[in-house]
Amino acid sequence: MIAKQSTKTALVTGGSSGISLCVVRMLLAEGFKVTILDLHQGSLQSIDAGPDRLLFIPCDITDWKSVKAAFGQSYEQFGPLQVVVNGAGVYEPVC
């Protein structure tokens, strides 16, 4: 019989700002352990979660080697992922 995993884990790219930060907050509220991949920590200081629930990894998602290494770090910290949210993006307004 396979034991059911009780820990819910998620990884969110671009999770330190904007809509992705809201997704991170929602996942934490639902009991997830969350890894964030982003270039900068942005507004993460506004989140009340310790290192046992939230892991920030500086990462440029356009660099595949960095992304692969970050997924490995996330796995080492929290185990297998149940949710991946690809929220990173670039917005360059036309002036």
PDB file of N, CA and C in Angstrom:
ATOM      1  N   MET A   1       0.837  -1.173   0.000  1.00  0.00           N
ATOM      2  CA  MET A   1       0.000   0.000   0.000  1.00  0.00           C
ATOM      3  C   MET A   1       0.890   1.247   0.000  1.00  0.00           C
ATOM      4  N   ILE A   2       0.582   2.217  -0.853  1.00  0.00           N
ATOM      5  CA  ILE A   2       1.356   3.444  -0.956  1.00  0.00           C
ATOM      6  C   ILE A   2       0.796   4.465   0.021  1.00  0.00           C
ATOM      7  N   ALA A   3       1.674   5.054   0.827  1.00  0.00           N
ATOM      8  CA  ALA A   3       1.239   6.076   1.783  1.00  0.00           C
ATOM      9  C   ALA A   3       0.870   7.349   1.041  1.00  0.00           C
ATOM     10  N   LYS A   4      -0.218   7.967   1.458  1.00  0.00           N
ATOM     11  CA  LYS A   4      -0.654   9.216   0.854  1.00  0.00           C
ATOM     12  C   LYS A   4       0.215  10.357   1.377  1.00  0.00           C
ATOM     13  N   GLN A   5       0.693  11.203   0.467  1.00  0.00           N
ATOM     14  CA  GLN A   5       1.503  12.335   0.872  1.00  0.00           C
ATOM     15  C   GLN A   5       0.599  13.406   1.459  1.00  0.00           C
ATOM     16  N   SER A   6       0.904  13.847   2.672  1.00  0.00           N
ATOM     17  CA  SER A   6       0.064  14.836   3.335  1.00  0.00           C
ATOM     18  C   SER A   6       0.516  16.263   3.080  1.00  0.00           C
ATOM     19  N   THR A   7       1.733  16.441   2.590  1.00  0.00           N
ATOM     20  CA  THR A   7       2.246  17.779   2.343  1.00  0.00           C
ATOM     21  C   THR A   7       1.903  18.216   0.926  1.00  0.00           C
ATOM     22  N   LYS A   8       1.257  19.362   0.822  1.00  0.00           N
ATOM     23  CA  LYS A   8       0.947  19.930  -0.483  1.00  0.00           C
ATOM     24  C   LYS A   8       2.063  20.910  -0.835  1.00  0.00           C
ATOM     25  N   THR A   9       2.619  20.772  -2.033  1.00  0.00           N
ATOM     26  CA  THR A   9       3.715  21.626  -2.456  1.00  0.00           C
ATOM     27  C   THR A   9       3.422  22.261  -3.805  1.00  0.00           C
ATOM     28  N   ALA A  10       3.907  23.486  -3.976  1.00  0.00           N
ATOM     29  CA  ALA A  10       3.697  24.209  -5.228  1.00  0.00           C
ATOM     30  C   ALA A  10       4.940  25.010  -5.562  1.00  0.00           C
ATOM     31  N   LEU A  11       5.120  25.299  -6.837  1.00  0.00           N
ATOM     32  CA  LEU A  11       6.186  26.160  -7.319  1.00  0.00           C
ATOM     33  C   LEU A  11       5.536  27.213  -8.205  1.00  0.00           C
ATOM     34  N   VAL A  12       5.887  28.485  -7.979  1.00  0.00           N
ATOM     35  CA  VAL A  12       5.296  29.588  -8.735  1.00  0.00           C
ATOM     36  C   VAL A  12       6.422  30.419  -9.333  1.00  0.00           C
ATOM     37  N   THR A  13       6.458  30.529 -10.660  1.00  0.00           N
ATOM     38  CA  THR A  13       7.428  31.412 -11.294  1.00  0.00           C
ATOM     39  C   THR A  13       6.856  32.826 -11.285  1.00  0.00           C
ATOM     40  N   GLY A  14       7.731  33.808 -11.093  1.00  0.00           N
ATOM     41  CA  GLY A  14       7.280  35.201 -11.037  1.00  0.00           C
ATOM     42  C   GLY A  14       6.463  35.498  -9.795  1.00  0.00           C
ATOM     43  N   GLY A  15       6.658  34.710  -8.746  1.00  0.00           N
ATOM     44  CA  GLY A  15       5.784  34.767  -7.571  1.00  0.00           C
ATOM     45  C   GLY A  15       6.044  35.863  -6.572  1.00  0.00           C
ATOM     46  N   SER A  16       6.971  36.771  -6.844  1.00  0.00           N
ATOM     47  CA  SER A  16       7.245  37.804  -5.849  1.00  0.00           C
ATOM     48  C   SER A  16       6.526  39.123  -6.126  1.00  0.00           C
ATOM     49  N   SER A  17       5.673  39.138  -7.155  1.00  0.00           N
ATOM     50  CA  SER A  17       4.913  40.362  -7.426  1.00  0.00           C
ATOM     51  C   SER A  17       3.685  40.039  -8.279  1.00  0.00           C
ATOM     52  N   GLY A  18       2.802  41.015  -8.343  1.00  0.00           N
ATOM     53  CA  GLY A  18       1.638  40.939  -9.221  1.00  0.00           C
ATOM     54  C   GLY A  18       0.681  39.802  -8.918  1.00  0.00           C
ATOM     55  N   ILE A  19       0.056  39.296  -9.963  1.00  0.00           N
ATOM     56  CA  ILE A  19      -0.929  38.227  -9.835  1.00  0.00           C
ATOM     57  C   ILE A  19      -0.293  36.976  -9.242  1.00  0.00           C
ATOM     58  N   SER A  20       0.944  36.702  -9.619  1.00  0.00           N
ATOM     59  CA  SER A  20       1.604  35.501  -9.098  1.00  0.00           C
ATOM     60  C   SER A  20       1.813  35.578  -7.590  1.00  0.00           C
ATOM     61  N   LEU A  21       2.057  36.768  -7.056  1.00  0.00           N
ATOM     62  CA  LEU A  21       2.174  36.930  -5.608  1.00  0.00           C
ATOM     63  C   LEU A  21       0.833  36.623  -4.933  1.00  0.00           C
ATOM     64  N   CYS A  22      -0.253  37.025  -5.554  1.00  0.00           N
ATOM     65  CA  CYS A  22      -1.590  36.694  -5.030  1.00  0.00           C
ATOM     66  C   CYS A  22      -1.801  35.179  -5.034  1.00  0.00           C
ATOM     67  N   VAL A  23      -1.340  34.511  -6.075  1.00  0.00           N
ATOM     68  CA  VAL A  23      -1.441  33.049  -6.150  1.00  0.00           C
ATOM     69  C   VAL A  23      -0.646  32.420  -5.011  1.00  0.00           C
ATOM     70  N   VAL A  24       0.560  32.936  -4.752  1.00  0.00           N
ATOM     71  CA  VAL A  24       1.383  32.431  -3.648  1.00  0.00           C
ATOM     72  C   VAL A  24       0.627  32.568  -2.331  1.00  0.00           C
ATOM     73  N   ARG A  25       0.036  33.725  -2.095  1.00  0.00           N
ATOM     74  CA  ARG A  25      -0.727  33.948  -0.851  1.00  0.00           C
ATOM     75  C   ARG A  25      -1.888  32.952  -0.731  1.00  0.00           C
ATOM     76  N   MET A  26      -2.579  32.711  -1.829  1.00  0.00           N
ATOM     77  CA  MET A  26      -3.710  31.770  -1.807  1.00  0.00           C
ATOM     78  C   MET A  26      -3.223  30.351  -1.512  1.00  0.00           C
ATOM     79  N   LEU A  27      -2.129  29.942  -2.137  1.00  0.00           N
ATOM     80  CA  LEU A  27      -1.598  28.602  -1.894  1.00  0.00           C
ATOM     81  C   LEU A  27      -1.166  28.433  -0.439  1.00  0.00           C
ATOM     82  N   LEU A  28      -0.498  29.432   0.113  1.00  0.00           N
ATOM     83  CA  LEU A  28      -0.096  29.374   1.519  1.00  0.00           C
ATOM     84  C   LEU A  28      -1.313  29.271   2.427  1.00  0.00           C
ATOM     85  N   ALA A  29      -2.361  30.030   2.114  1.00  0.00           N
ATOM     86  CA  ALA A  29      -3.591  29.992   2.910  1.00  0.00           C
ATOM     87  C   ALA A  29      -4.258  28.620   2.858  1.00  0.00           C
ATOM     88  N   GLU A  30      -4.030  27.889   1.776  1.00  0.00           N
ATOM     89  CA  GLU A  30      -4.594  26.545   1.624  1.00  0.00           C
ATOM     90  C   GLU A  30      -3.676  25.460   2.189  1.00  0.00           C
ATOM     91  N   GLY A  31      -2.580  25.874   2.823  1.00  0.00           N
ATOM     92  CA  GLY A  31      -1.713  24.913   3.482  1.00  0.00           C
ATOM     93  C   GLY A  31      -0.550  24.399   2.656  1.00  0.00           C
ATOM     94  N   PHE A  32      -0.318  24.979   1.498  1.00  0.00           N
ATOM     95  CA  PHE A  32       0.787  24.550   0.646  1.00  0.00           C
ATOM     96  C   PHE A  32       2.122  25.060   1.164  1.00  0.00           C
ATOM     97  N   LYS A  33       3.184  24.318   0.878  1.00  0.00           N
ATOM     98  CA  LYS A  33       4.539  24.811   0.962  1.00  0.00           C
ATOM     99  C   LYS A  33       4.860  25.311  -0.442  1.00  0.00           C
ATOM    100  N   VAL A  34       5.410  26.524  -0.536  1.00  0.00           N
ATOM    101  CA  VAL A  34       5.536  27.168  -1.841  1.00  0.00           C
ATOM    102  C   VAL A  34       6.989  27.564  -2.124  1.00  0.00           C
ATOM    103  N   THR A  35       7.440  27.221  -3.326  1.00  0.00           N
ATOM    104  CA  THR A  35       8.717  27.699  -3.839  1.00  0.00           C
ATOM    105  C   THR A  35       8.428  28.772  -4.870  1.00  0.00           C
ATOM    106  N   ILE A  36       9.149  29.884  -4.759  1.00  0.00           N
ATOM    107  CA  ILE A  36       9.012  30.979  -5.713  1.00  0.00           C
ATOM    108  C   ILE A  36      10.299  31.102  -6.509  1.00  0.00           C
ATOM    109  N   LEU A  37      10.170  31.131  -7.829  1.00  0.00           N
ATOM    110  CA  LEU A  37      11.293  31.420  -8.715  1.00  0.00           C
ATOM    111  C   LEU A  37      11.066  32.804  -9.298  1.00  0.00           C
ATOM    112  N   ASP A  38      11.997  33.709  -9.061  1.00  0.00           N
ATOM    113  CA  ASP A  38      11.853  35.072  -9.578  1.00  0.00           C
ATOM    114  C   ASP A  38      13.222  35.725  -9.597  1.00  0.00           C
ATOM    115  N   LEU A  39      13.341  36.810 -10.333  1.00  0.00           N
ATOM    116  CA  LEU A  39      14.607  37.531 -10.398  1.00  0.00           C
ATOM    117  C   LEU A  39      14.883  38.324  -9.122  1.00  0.00           C
ATOM    118  N   HIS A  40      13.821  38.870  -8.521  1.00  0.00           N
ATOM    119  CA  HIS A  40      13.949  39.715  -7.338  1.00  0.00           C
ATOM    120  C   HIS A  40      12.910  39.305  -6.299  1.00  0.00           C
ATOM    121  N   GLN A  41      13.176  39.610  -5.033  1.00  0.00           N
ATOM    122  CA  GLN A  41      12.255  39.231  -3.966  1.00  0.00           C
ATOM    123  C   GLN A  41      11.003  40.091  -3.930  1.00  0.00           C
ATOM    124  N   GLY A  42      11.012  41.242  -4.568  1.00  0.00           N
ATOM    125  CA  GLY A  42       9.818  42.068  -4.684  1.00  0.00           C
ATOM    126  C   GLY A  42       9.133  42.322  -3.352  1.00  0.00           C
ATOM    127  N   SER A  43       7.876  41.916  -3.253  1.00  0.00           N
ATOM    128  CA  SER A  43       7.047  42.188  -2.073  1.00  0.00           C
ATOM    129  C   SER A  43       6.973  41.012  -1.112  1.00  0.00           C
ATOM    130  N   LEU A  44       7.924  40.107  -1.153  1.00  0.00           N
ATOM    131  CA  LEU A  44       7.860  38.912  -0.312  1.00  0.00           C
ATOM    132  C   LEU A  44       7.912  39.217   1.179  1.00  0.00           C
ATOM    133  N   GLN A  45       8.499  40.359   1.563  1.00  0.00           N
ATOM    134  CA  GLN A  45       8.545  40.700   2.974  1.00  0.00           C
ATOM    135  C   GLN A  45       7.150  40.892   3.553  1.00  0.00           C
ATOM    136  N   SER A  46       6.153  41.066   2.705  1.00  0.00           N
ATOM    137  CA  SER A  46       4.772  41.229   3.180  1.00  0.00           C
ATOM    138  C   SER A  46       4.101  39.894   3.503  1.00  0.00           C
ATOM    139  N   ILE A  47       4.774  38.787   3.206  1.00  0.00           N
ATOM    140  CA  ILE A  47       4.202  37.464   3.455  1.00  0.00           C
ATOM    141  C   ILE A  47       4.713  36.932   4.784  1.00  0.00           C
ATOM    142  N   ASP A  48       3.778  36.486   5.608  1.00  0.00           N
ATOM    143  CA  ASP A  48       4.130  35.940   6.921  1.00  0.00           C
ATOM    144  C   ASP A  48       4.208  34.422   6.834  1.00  0.00           C
ATOM    145  N   ALA A  49       5.346  33.935   6.327  1.00  0.00           N
ATOM    146  CA  ALA A  49       5.580  32.486   6.234  1.00  0.00           C
ATOM    147  C   ALA A  49       7.071  32.249   6.416  1.00  0.00           C
ATOM    148  N   GLY A  50       7.405  31.276   7.224  1.00  0.00           N
ATOM    149  CA  GLY A  50       8.802  30.966   7.496  1.00  0.00           C
ATOM    150  C   GLY A  50       9.403  30.068   6.436  1.00  0.00           C
ATOM    151  N   PRO A  51      10.692  29.759   6.593  1.00  0.00           N
ATOM    152  CA  PRO A  51      11.398  28.932   5.616  1.00  0.00           C
ATOM    153  C   PRO A  51      10.888  27.492   5.542  1.00  0.00           C
ATOM    154  N   ASP A  52      10.088  27.079   6.520  1.00  0.00           N
ATOM    155  CA  ASP A  52       9.494  25.749   6.467  1.00  0.00           C
ATOM    156  C   ASP A  52       8.283  25.708   5.543  1.00  0.00           C
ATOM    157  N   ARG A  53       7.800  26.896   5.087  1.00  0.00           N
ATOM    158  CA  ARG A  53       6.630  26.957   4.200  1.00  0.00           C
ATOM    159  C   ARG A  53       6.877  27.720   2.920  1.00  0.00           C
ATOM    160  N   LEU A  54       7.929  28.554   2.904  1.00  0.00           N
ATOM    161  CA  LEU A  54       8.172  29.401   1.738  1.00  0.00           C
ATOM    162  C   LEU A  54       9.656  29.412   1.403  1.00  0.00           C
ATOM    163  N   LEU A  55       9.960  29.126   0.140  1.00  0.00           N
ATOM    164  CA  LEU A  55      11.337  29.109  -0.342  1.00  0.00           C
ATOM    165  C   LEU A  55      11.434  30.023  -1.554  1.00  0.00           C
ATOM    166  N   PHE A  56      12.305  31.030  -1.473  1.00  0.00           N
ATOM    167  CA  PHE A  56      12.563  31.909  -2.614  1.00  0.00           C
ATOM    168  C   PHE A  56      13.884  31.499  -3.247  1.00  0.00           C
ATOM    169  N   ILE A  57      13.864  31.302  -4.563  1.00  0.00           N
ATOM    170  CA  ILE A  57      15.081  30.977  -5.308  1.00  0.00           C
ATOM    171  C   ILE A  57      15.230  32.006  -6.425  1.00  0.00           C
ATOM    172  N   PRO A  58      16.303  32.822  -6.372  1.00  0.00           N
ATOM    173  CA  PRO A  58      16.517  33.753  -7.476  1.00  0.00           C
ATOM    174  C   PRO A  58      16.767  32.964  -8.758  1.00  0.00           C
ATOM    175  N   CYS A  59      15.992  33.280  -9.786  1.00  0.00           N
ATOM    176  CA  CYS A  59      16.078  32.478 -11.003  1.00  0.00           C
ATOM    177  C   CYS A  59      15.562  33.266 -12.200  1.00  0.00           C
ATOM    178  N   ASP A  60      16.310  33.199 -13.282  1.00  0.00           N
ATOM    179  CA  ASP A  60      15.881  33.746 -14.564  1.00  0.00           C
ATOM    180  C   ASP A  60      15.296  32.584 -15.360  1.00  0.00           C
ATOM    181  N   ILE A  61      13.986  32.595 -15.558  1.00  0.00           N
ATOM    182  CA  ILE A  61      13.343  31.439 -16.193  1.00  0.00           C
ATOM    183  C   ILE A  61      13.691  31.291 -17.671  1.00  0.00           C
ATOM    184  N   THR A  62      14.405  32.266 -18.224  1.00  0.00           N
ATOM    185  CA  THR A  62      14.860  32.103 -19.613  1.00  0.00           C
ATOM    186  C   THR A  62      16.142  31.282 -19.683  1.00  0.00           C
ATOM    187  N   ASP A  63      16.727  30.967 -18.532  1.00  0.00           N
ATOM    188  CA  ASP A  63      17.943  30.169 -18.452  1.00  0.00           C
ATOM    189  C   ASP A  63      17.563  28.770 -17.968  1.00  0.00           C
ATOM    190  N   TRP A  64      17.472  27.836 -18.916  1.00  0.00           N
ATOM    191  CA  TRP A  64      16.965  26.497 -18.603  1.00  0.00           C
ATOM    192  C   TRP A  64      17.773  25.795 -17.518  1.00  0.00           C
ATOM    193  N   LYS A  65      19.091  25.963 -17.511  1.00  0.00           N
ATOM    194  CA  LYS A  65      19.927  25.324 -16.487  1.00  0.00           C
ATOM    195  C   LYS A  65      19.564  25.840 -15.095  1.00  0.00           C
ATOM    196  N   SER A  66      19.304  27.136 -14.989  1.00  0.00           N
ATOM    197  CA  SER A  66      18.904  27.719 -13.702  1.00  0.00           C
ATOM    198  C   SER A  66      17.557  27.182 -13.252  1.00  0.00           C
ATOM    199  N   VAL A  67      16.634  27.050 -14.195  1.00  0.00           N
ATOM    200  CA  VAL A  67      15.301  26.530 -13.871  1.00  0.00           C
ATOM    201  C   VAL A  67      15.411  25.085 -13.379  1.00  0.00           C
ATOM    202  N   LYS A  68      16.178  24.285 -14.090  1.00  0.00           N
ATOM    203  CA  LYS A  68      16.353  22.885 -13.696  1.00  0.00           C
ATOM    204  C   LYS A  68      16.976  22.779 -12.303  1.00  0.00           C
ATOM    205  N   ALA A  69      17.982  23.593 -12.030  1.00  0.00           N
ATOM    206  CA  ALA A  69      18.616  23.595 -10.707  1.00  0.00           C
ATOM    207  C   ALA A  69      17.634  24.042  -9.631  1.00  0.00           C
ATOM    208  N   ALA A  70      16.805  25.036  -9.941  1.00  0.00           N
ATOM    209  CA  ALA A  70      15.826  25.539  -8.969  1.00  0.00           C
ATOM    210  C   ALA A  70      14.776  24.474  -8.646  1.00  0.00           C
ATOM    211  N   PHE A  71      14.334  23.726  -9.647  1.00  0.00           N
ATOM    212  CA  PHE A  71      13.391  22.635  -9.380  1.00  0.00           C
ATOM    213  C   PHE A  71      14.028  21.598  -8.459  1.00  0.00           C
ATOM    214  N   GLY A  72      15.324  21.337  -8.662  1.00  0.00           N
ATOM    215  CA  GLY A  72      16.039  20.414  -7.795  1.00  0.00           C
ATOM    216  C   GLY A  72      16.104  20.918  -6.358  1.00  0.00           C
ATOM    217  N   GLN A  73      16.385  22.215  -6.182  1.00  0.00           N
ATOM    218  CA  GLN A  73      16.417  22.812  -4.843  1.00  0.00           C
ATOM    219  C   GLN A  73      15.049  22.707  -4.172  1.00  0.00           C
ATOM    220  N   SER A  74      14.009  22.974  -4.940  1.00  0.00           N
ATOM    221  CA  SER A  74      12.657  22.893  -4.398  1.00  0.00           C
ATOM    222  C   SER A  74      12.350  21.476  -3.931  1.00  0.00           C
ATOM    223  N   TYR A  75      12.725  20.508  -4.749  1.00  0.00           N
ATOM    224  CA  TYR A  75      12.498  19.106  -4.392  1.00  0.00           C
ATOM    225  C   TYR A  75      13.239  18.734  -3.109  1.00  0.00           C
ATOM    226  N   GLU A  76      14.488  19.180  -2.998  1.00  0.00           N
ATOM    227  CA  GLU A  76      15.272  18.885  -1.798  1.00  0.00           C
ATOM    228  C   GLU A  76      14.639  19.480  -0.541  1.00  0.00           C
ATOM    229  N   GLN A  77      14.059  20.672  -0.672  1.00  0.00           N
ATOM    230  CA  GLN A  77      13.474  21.366   0.483  1.00  0.00           C
ATOM    231  C   GLN A  77      12.089  20.827   0.848  1.00  0.00           C
ATOM    232  N   PHE A  78      11.224  20.631  -0.156  1.00  0.00           N
ATOM    233  CA  PHE A  78       9.817  20.323   0.109  1.00  0.00           C
ATOM    234  C   PHE A  78       9.333  18.991  -0.447  1.00  0.00           C
ATOM    235  N   GLY A  79      10.119  18.317  -1.261  1.00  0.00           N
ATOM    236  CA  GLY A  79       9.671  17.067  -1.858  1.00  0.00           C
ATOM    237  C   GLY A  79       8.973  17.298  -3.186  1.00  0.00           C
ATOM    238  N   PRO A  80       8.253  16.273  -3.676  1.00  0.00           N
ATOM    239  CA  PRO A  80       7.623  16.371  -4.996  1.00  0.00           C
ATOM    240  C   PRO A  80       6.547  17.459  -5.057  1.00  0.00           C
ATOM    241  N   LEU A  81       6.428  18.047  -6.222  1.00  0.00           N
ATOM    242  CA  LEU A  81       5.437  19.109  -6.439  1.00  0.00           C
ATOM    243  C   LEU A  81       4.079  18.539  -6.846  1.00  0.00           C
ATOM    244  N   GLN A  82       3.035  19.181  -6.361  1.00  0.00           N
ATOM    245  CA  GLN A  82       1.690  18.868  -6.824  1.00  0.00           C
ATOM    246  C   GLN A  82       1.171  19.935  -7.787  1.00  0.00           C
ATOM    247  N   VAL A  83       1.704  21.159  -7.651  1.00  0.00           N
ATOM    248  CA  VAL A  83       1.214  22.283  -8.457  1.00  0.00           C
ATOM    249  C   VAL A  83       2.409  23.080  -8.971  1.00  0.00           C
ATOM    250  N   VAL A  84       2.358  23.453 -10.257  1.00  0.00           N
ATOM    251  CA  VAL A  84       3.327  24.384 -10.830  1.00  0.00           C
ATOM    252  C   VAL A  84       2.538  25.478 -11.528  1.00  0.00           C
ATOM    253  N   VAL A  85       2.839  26.741 -11.183  1.00  0.00           N
ATOM    254  CA  VAL A  85       2.168  27.884 -11.789  1.00  0.00           C
ATOM    255  C   VAL A  85       3.217  28.686 -12.551  1.00  0.00           C
ATOM    256  N   ASN A  86       3.058  28.759 -13.856  1.00  0.00           N
ATOM    257  CA  ASN A  86       3.980  29.523 -14.691  1.00  0.00           C
ATOM    258  C   ASN A  86       3.441  30.945 -14.810  1.00  0.00           C
ATOM    259  N   GLY A  87       3.765  31.760 -13.803  1.00  0.00           N
ATOM    260  CA  GLY A  87       3.227  33.116 -13.764  1.00  0.00           C
ATOM    261  C   GLY A  87       4.214  34.193 -14.170  1.00  0.00           C
ATOM    262  N   ALA A  88       5.451  33.822 -14.451  1.00  0.00           N
ATOM    263  CA  ALA A  88       6.458  34.828 -14.812  1.00  0.00           C
ATOM    264  C   ALA A  88       6.155  35.384 -16.200  1.00  0.00           C
ATOM    265  N   GLY A  89       6.411  36.644 -16.337  1.00  0.00           N
ATOM    266  CA  GLY A  89       6.174  37.274 -17.635  1.00  0.00           C
ATOM    267  C   GLY A  89       6.865  38.609 -17.686  1.00  0.00           C
ATOM    268  N   VAL A  90       6.885  39.188 -18.848  1.00  0.00           N
ATOM    269  CA  VAL A  90       7.496  40.478 -19.033  1.00  0.00           C
ATOM    270  C   VAL A  90       6.446  41.415 -19.625  1.00  0.00           C
ATOM    271  N   TYR A  91       6.333  42.589 -19.020  1.00  0.00           N
ATOM    272  CA  TYR A  91       5.408  43.582 -19.529  1.00  0.00           C
ATOM    273  C   TYR A  91       6.205  44.822 -19.852  1.00  0.00           C
ATOM    274  N   GLU A  92       6.232  45.189 -21.106  1.00  0.00           N
ATOM    275  CA  GLU A  92       6.937  46.382 -21.537  1.00  0.00           C
ATOM    276  C   GLU A  92       5.931  47.310 -22.208  1.00  0.00           C
ATOM    277  N   PRO A  93       5.429  48.302 -21.442  1.00  0.00           N
ATOM    278  CA  PRO A  93       4.409  49.185 -22.012  1.00  0.00           C
ATOM    279  C   PRO A  93       4.966  50.024 -23.175  1.00  0.00           C
ATOM    280  N   VAL A  94       4.101  50.288 -24.112  1.00  0.00           N
ATOM    281  CA  VAL A  94       4.466  51.148 -25.245  1.00  0.00           C
ATOM    282  C   VAL A  94       4.209  52.589 -24.808  1.00  0.00           C
ATOM    283  N   CYS A  95       5.230  53.428 -24.937  1.00  0.00           N
ATOM    284  CA  CYS A  95       5.097  54.836 -24.519  1.00  0.00           C
ATOM    285  C   CYS A  95       4.884  55.741 -25.700  1.00  0.00           C
TER     286      CYS A  95
END
